[in-house]
């Protein structure tokens, strides 16, 4: 699809960890294992979560309990990049006002 799946994974992973995940390192790790974060399909994302995410987390001394890992996988599996997220809706509502249209 596009980078939105990667962005969603990063955001959900950071929330699950309770701290910011190393974004660039995550990007590089995905490239390292043969997954293109720019063209991330749902199947590739789920495969990454099941097979490679644990190695990434341990490499960066991060721990994600099994329950949070399952919740993360469920969240990224349900994400549909064709629809804006609640955050994107709010950002659009709070964006700059074009006074010429008023």
Protein backbone atom coordinates (compact mmCIF):
# COMPACT_ATOMS: atom_id res chain seq x y z
CA UNK A 1 0.00 0.00 0.00
CA UNK A 2 2.13 2.88 1.25
CA UNK A 3 4.01 4.07 4.29
CA UNK A 4 0.82 4.36 6.38
CA UNK A 5 1.04 0.72 7.49
CA UNK A 6 4.58 1.29 8.74
CA UNK A 7 3.51 4.49 10.53
CA UNK A 8 0.65 2.63 12.18
CA UNK A 9 2.96 -0.19 13.29
CA UNK A 10 5.40 2.32 14.75
CA UNK A 11 2.67 4.21 16.62
CA UNK A 12 1.04 1.07 18.00
CA UNK A 13 4.40 -0.41 18.98
CA UNK A 14 5.34 2.79 20.83
CA UNK A 15 2.02 2.78 22.67
CA UNK A 16 2.42 -0.90 23.55
CA UNK A 17 5.94 -0.32 24.86
CA UNK A 18 4.95 2.79 26.81
CA UNK A 19 7.83 4.67 25.19
CA UNK A 20 8.90 5.70 21.73
CA UNK A 21 10.22 2.82 19.70
CA UNK A 22 13.38 3.44 17.68
CA UNK A 23 11.67 4.38 14.41
CA UNK A 24 14.65 4.48 12.08
CA UNK A 25 16.03 1.25 13.53
CA UNK A 26 12.65 -0.40 12.94
CA UNK A 27 12.70 0.85 9.34
CA UNK A 28 16.23 -0.49 8.81
CA UNK A 29 15.41 -3.83 10.41
CA UNK A 30 12.46 -4.32 8.10
CA UNK A 31 14.71 -3.59 5.12
CA UNK A 32 17.33 -5.95 6.55
CA UNK A 33 14.88 -8.87 6.65
CA UNK A 34 13.67 -8.17 3.12
CA UNK A 35 10.49 -6.20 3.79
CA UNK A 36 9.98 -2.81 2.15
CA UNK A 37 8.36 -0.42 4.66
CA UNK A 38 7.26 1.84 1.79
CA UNK A 39 5.20 -0.91 0.15
CA UNK A 40 4.10 -2.83 3.23
CA UNK A 41 1.23 -5.23 2.64
CA UNK A 42 -0.96 -6.58 5.42
CA UNK A 43 0.51 -10.08 4.95
CA UNK A 44 4.10 -8.81 5.08
CA UNK A 45 3.35 -6.75 8.17
CA UNK A 46 1.80 -9.69 10.01
CA UNK A 47 4.68 -11.90 8.95
CA UNK A 48 7.12 -9.35 10.33
CA UNK A 49 5.26 -9.20 13.64
CA UNK A 50 5.19 -13.01 13.99
CA UNK A 51 8.71 -13.80 12.81
CA UNK A 52 11.01 -10.78 13.20
CA UNK A 53 9.61 -8.31 15.73
CA UNK A 54 10.84 -10.28 18.74
CA UNK A 55 14.41 -10.17 17.44
CA UNK A 56 14.12 -6.43 16.82
CA UNK A 57 12.84 -5.82 20.35
CA UNK A 58 15.56 -7.91 21.99
CA UNK A 59 18.25 -6.22 19.90
CA UNK A 60 17.14 -2.88 21.36
CA UNK A 61 16.62 -4.26 24.88
CA UNK A 62 12.88 -3.73 24.71
CA UNK A 63 10.33 -6.12 26.13
CA UNK A 64 6.74 -6.58 25.09
CA UNK A 65 4.62 -8.96 27.18
CA UNK A 66 2.79 -11.64 25.21
CA UNK A 67 -0.61 -10.07 25.82
CA UNK A 68 0.51 -6.68 24.49
CA UNK A 69 2.15 -8.38 21.52
CA UNK A 70 -1.15 -10.08 20.63
CA UNK A 71 -2.98 -6.76 21.01
CA UNK A 72 -0.41 -5.09 18.75
CA UNK A 73 -0.81 -7.80 16.11
CA UNK A 74 -4.58 -7.50 16.26
CA UNK A 75 -4.43 -3.73 15.90
CA UNK A 76 -2.10 -3.77 12.90
CA UNK A 77 -4.07 -6.57 11.26
CA UNK A 78 -7.29 -4.51 11.45
CA UNK A 79 -5.72 -1.32 10.12
CA UNK A 80 -7.06 -0.23 6.74
CA UNK A 81 -4.84 2.45 5.19
CA UNK A 82 -7.64 3.53 2.84
CA UNK A 83 -9.43 5.17 5.77
CA UNK A 84 -8.06 8.01 7.90
CA UNK A 85 -7.24 7.26 11.51
CA UNK A 86 -8.93 9.20 14.34
CA UNK A 87 -5.68 11.15 14.74
CA UNK A 88 -5.73 12.10 11.05
CA UNK A 89 -9.36 13.22 11.37
CA UNK A 90 -8.51 15.45 14.32
CA UNK A 91 -5.42 16.86 12.60
CA UNK A 92 -7.55 17.77 9.61
CA UNK A 93 -10.14 19.46 11.84
CA UNK A 94 -7.48 21.42 13.69
CA UNK A 95 -5.55 22.38 10.55
CA UNK A 96 -5.03 25.93 9.32
CA UNK A 97 -8.15 27.90 8.50
CA UNK A 98 -8.35 29.38 5.04
CA UNK A 99 -9.97 32.75 5.76
CA UNK A 100 -10.52 33.47 2.07
CA UNK A 101 -13.31 30.88 2.03
CA UNK A 102 -15.10 32.35 5.07
